[in-house]
N, C-alpha and C. Protein backbone atom coordinates (compact mmCIF):
# COMPACT_ATOMS: atom_id res chain seq x y z
N MET A 1 -0.26 0.55 9.38
CA MET A 1 0.45 0.64 8.13
C MET A 1 -0.57 0.61 7.00
N PRO A 2 -0.24 1.23 5.85
CA PRO A 2 -1.18 1.20 4.73
C PRO A 2 -1.41 -0.23 4.25
N LEU A 3 -2.62 -0.50 3.84
CA LEU A 3 -3.01 -1.80 3.29
C LEU A 3 -3.28 -1.60 1.81
N LEU A 4 -2.60 -2.38 0.98
CA LEU A 4 -2.68 -2.22 -0.47
C LEU A 4 -3.27 -3.47 -1.10
N PHE A 5 -4.27 -3.29 -1.95
CA PHE A 5 -4.87 -4.39 -2.70
C PHE A 5 -4.43 -4.30 -4.16
N GLY A 6 -4.44 -5.42 -4.85
CA GLY A 6 -4.07 -5.46 -6.26
C GLY A 6 -2.67 -6.00 -6.44
N LEU A 7 -2.22 -6.03 -7.68
CA LEU A 7 -0.88 -6.53 -8.00
C LEU A 7 0.14 -5.49 -7.57
N PRO A 8 0.99 -5.82 -6.61
CA PRO A 8 1.93 -4.84 -6.08
C PRO A 8 3.16 -4.66 -6.97
N VAL A 9 3.69 -3.44 -6.99
CA VAL A 9 4.99 -3.19 -7.64
C VAL A 9 6.07 -3.78 -6.74
N ALA A 10 7.26 -3.96 -7.28
CA ALA A 10 8.37 -4.57 -6.52
C ALA A 10 8.67 -3.83 -5.23
N GLU A 11 8.59 -2.51 -5.27
CA GLU A 11 8.87 -1.71 -4.07
C GLU A 11 7.84 -1.98 -2.97
N ALA A 12 6.60 -2.25 -3.35
CA ALA A 12 5.57 -2.57 -2.36
C ALA A 12 5.83 -3.93 -1.73
N VAL A 13 6.29 -4.88 -2.51
CA VAL A 13 6.62 -6.20 -1.97
C VAL A 13 7.76 -6.07 -0.96
N HIS A 14 8.77 -5.29 -1.32
CA HIS A 14 9.91 -5.08 -0.41
C HIS A 14 9.44 -4.38 0.87
N ALA A 15 8.60 -3.36 0.75
CA ALA A 15 8.09 -2.66 1.92
C ALA A 15 7.27 -3.60 2.81
N ALA A 16 6.51 -4.49 2.18
CA ALA A 16 5.73 -5.47 2.95
C ALA A 16 6.66 -6.43 3.68
N ASP A 17 7.73 -6.85 3.02
CA ASP A 17 8.71 -7.73 3.66
C ASP A 17 9.35 -7.07 4.87
N GLU A 18 9.47 -5.74 4.82
CA GLU A 18 10.07 -4.98 5.92
C GLU A 18 9.04 -4.59 6.99
N GLY A 19 7.78 -4.93 6.77
CA GLY A 19 6.74 -4.63 7.75
C GLY A 19 6.24 -3.20 7.72
N GLU A 20 6.43 -2.50 6.60
CA GLU A 20 6.00 -1.10 6.50
C GLU A 20 4.73 -0.92 5.69
N LEU A 21 4.27 -2.00 5.08
CA LEU A 21 3.10 -1.98 4.22
C LEU A 21 2.47 -3.37 4.30
N ALA A 22 1.16 -3.42 4.22
CA ALA A 22 0.46 -4.72 4.21
C ALA A 22 -0.14 -4.94 2.84
N LEU A 23 -0.04 -6.17 2.34
CA LEU A 23 -0.62 -6.53 1.06
C LEU A 23 -1.91 -7.29 1.31
N GLY A 24 -3.00 -6.83 0.68
CA GLY A 24 -4.31 -7.40 0.93
C GLY A 24 -4.76 -8.45 -0.05
N GLY A 25 -4.01 -8.66 -1.12
CA GLY A 25 -4.40 -9.64 -2.12
C GLY A 25 -4.93 -8.98 -3.37
N CYS A 26 -5.31 -9.82 -4.32
CA CYS A 26 -5.73 -9.33 -5.64
C CYS A 26 -7.17 -8.84 -5.67
N LEU A 27 -8.03 -9.42 -4.86
CA LEU A 27 -9.45 -9.06 -4.90
C LEU A 27 -9.76 -7.96 -3.90
N LEU A 28 -10.39 -6.92 -4.38
CA LEU A 28 -10.75 -5.79 -3.54
C LEU A 28 -12.17 -6.00 -3.01
N PRO A 29 -12.31 -6.22 -1.70
CA PRO A 29 -13.65 -6.43 -1.14
C PRO A 29 -14.45 -5.13 -1.12
N ASP A 30 -15.78 -5.26 -1.00
CA ASP A 30 -16.62 -4.08 -0.83
C ASP A 30 -16.21 -3.38 0.45
N ASP A 31 -16.21 -2.06 0.41
CA ASP A 31 -15.82 -1.25 1.57
C ASP A 31 -14.50 -1.75 2.17
N ALA A 32 -13.52 -1.89 1.31
CA ALA A 32 -12.22 -2.47 1.67
C ALA A 32 -11.52 -1.67 2.76
N PRO A 33 -10.89 -2.36 3.70
CA PRO A 33 -10.07 -1.66 4.69
C PRO A 33 -8.86 -1.04 3.99
N ASN A 34 -8.30 0.00 4.59
CA ASN A 34 -7.12 0.61 3.99
C ASN A 34 -5.94 0.71 4.96
N TRP A 35 -6.11 0.22 6.15
CA TRP A 35 -5.03 0.19 7.14
C TRP A 35 -4.99 -1.19 7.80
N GLN A 36 -3.81 -1.58 8.27
CA GLN A 36 -3.64 -2.83 8.99
C GLN A 36 -2.57 -2.63 10.05
N CYS A 37 -2.81 -3.16 11.24
CA CYS A 37 -1.79 -3.09 12.29
C CYS A 37 -0.87 -4.30 12.17
N ALA A 38 0.21 -4.28 12.93
CA ALA A 38 1.19 -5.37 12.89
C ALA A 38 0.59 -6.71 13.32
N ASP A 39 -0.52 -6.66 14.08
CA ASP A 39 -1.19 -7.89 14.52
C ASP A 39 -2.17 -8.42 13.48
N GLY A 40 -2.29 -7.74 12.33
CA GLY A 40 -3.16 -8.20 11.27
C GLY A 40 -4.58 -7.68 11.32
N ARG A 41 -4.89 -6.83 12.28
CA ARG A 41 -6.23 -6.25 12.34
C ARG A 41 -6.36 -5.20 11.25
N ARG A 42 -7.48 -5.20 10.56
CA ARG A 42 -7.71 -4.27 9.44
C ARG A 42 -8.90 -3.39 9.73
N TRP A 43 -8.85 -2.16 9.22
CA TRP A 43 -9.97 -1.23 9.37
C TRP A 43 -9.96 -0.24 8.23
N ARG A 44 -11.07 0.44 8.09
CA ARG A 44 -11.23 1.46 7.06
C ARG A 44 -11.25 2.83 7.71
N ASN A 45 -10.39 3.70 7.22
CA ASN A 45 -10.38 5.09 7.64
C ASN A 45 -10.79 5.91 6.42
N PRO A 46 -11.81 6.73 6.53
CA PRO A 46 -12.28 7.48 5.36
C PRO A 46 -11.31 8.56 4.87
N ASP A 47 -10.26 8.84 5.62
CA ASP A 47 -9.28 9.86 5.22
C ASP A 47 -8.33 9.28 4.17
N GLU A 48 -8.78 9.27 2.92
CA GLU A 48 -7.98 8.70 1.82
C GLU A 48 -6.69 9.48 1.59
N GLN A 49 -6.69 10.77 1.87
CA GLN A 49 -5.48 11.57 1.66
C GLN A 49 -4.36 11.13 2.59
N ALA A 50 -4.69 10.82 3.83
CA ALA A 50 -3.68 10.35 4.78
C ALA A 50 -3.12 9.01 4.35
N TRP A 51 -4.02 8.11 3.89
CA TRP A 51 -3.59 6.80 3.40
C TRP A 51 -2.67 6.95 2.19
N ASP A 52 -3.09 7.78 1.24
CA ASP A 52 -2.31 7.99 0.02
C ASP A 52 -0.94 8.59 0.33
N ALA A 53 -0.90 9.56 1.22
CA ALA A 53 0.37 10.20 1.58
C ALA A 53 1.32 9.19 2.23
N ARG A 54 0.80 8.38 3.14
CA ARG A 54 1.65 7.39 3.82
C ARG A 54 2.10 6.30 2.85
N LEU A 55 1.21 5.85 1.98
CA LEU A 55 1.58 4.84 0.99
C LEU A 55 2.70 5.36 0.08
N ARG A 56 2.57 6.56 -0.42
CA ARG A 56 3.60 7.14 -1.28
C ARG A 56 4.93 7.30 -0.55
N GLU A 57 4.86 7.71 0.72
CA GLU A 57 6.07 7.86 1.53
C GLU A 57 6.80 6.53 1.67
N VAL A 58 6.06 5.48 1.96
CA VAL A 58 6.65 4.15 2.13
C VAL A 58 7.25 3.67 0.81
N LEU A 59 6.49 3.80 -0.27
CA LEU A 59 6.99 3.33 -1.57
C LEU A 59 8.24 4.09 -2.00
N ARG A 60 8.24 5.41 -1.82
CA ARG A 60 9.42 6.20 -2.19
C ARG A 60 10.63 5.80 -1.37
N ALA A 61 10.43 5.47 -0.11
CA ALA A 61 11.54 5.04 0.76
C ALA A 61 12.16 3.74 0.26
N HIS A 62 11.41 3.00 -0.55
CA HIS A 62 11.91 1.73 -1.10
C HIS A 62 12.29 1.86 -2.57
N GLY A 63 12.45 3.10 -3.03
CA GLY A 63 12.97 3.34 -4.37
C GLY A 63 11.95 3.58 -5.46
N TYR A 64 10.68 3.60 -5.13
CA TYR A 64 9.65 3.82 -6.15
C TYR A 64 9.66 5.28 -6.59
N ARG A 65 9.61 5.47 -7.89
CA ARG A 65 9.48 6.81 -8.47
C ARG A 65 8.16 6.86 -9.21
N GLU A 66 7.37 7.88 -8.96
CA GLU A 66 6.05 7.96 -9.58
C GLU A 66 6.12 8.04 -11.08
N ASP A 67 7.22 8.51 -11.65
CA ASP A 67 7.33 8.55 -13.10
C ASP A 67 7.55 7.15 -13.67
N ASP A 68 7.81 6.14 -12.81
CA ASP A 68 7.93 4.75 -13.27
C ASP A 68 6.61 4.29 -13.88
N GLU A 69 5.47 4.78 -13.38
CA GLU A 69 4.17 4.40 -13.92
C GLU A 69 4.04 4.85 -15.37
N ASP A 70 4.55 6.04 -15.68
CA ASP A 70 4.46 6.56 -17.04
C ASP A 70 5.24 5.70 -18.02
N ALA A 71 6.33 5.11 -17.57
CA ALA A 71 7.17 4.30 -18.45
C ALA A 71 6.46 3.01 -18.86
N THR A 72 5.52 2.54 -18.03
CA THR A 72 4.85 1.27 -18.33
C THR A 72 3.52 1.49 -19.06
N ALA A 73 3.09 2.72 -19.16
CA ALA A 73 1.78 3.01 -19.79
C ALA A 73 1.88 3.00 -21.30
């Protein structure tokens, strides 16, 4: 599942509660992992496009709309 660092939006918290997304905390470590399995193992995959696509898919499934970011800017 995608691993997300930083302050999560509400949809990310809900997705994490459902086991579809992992929250990594506020501090982004050097060479941060971007995936986590259900057992908590973390790793880095250099394919950022795959991570981004899966993250967006999960967030949209929980009601996130990308235009929501524009409303807060």
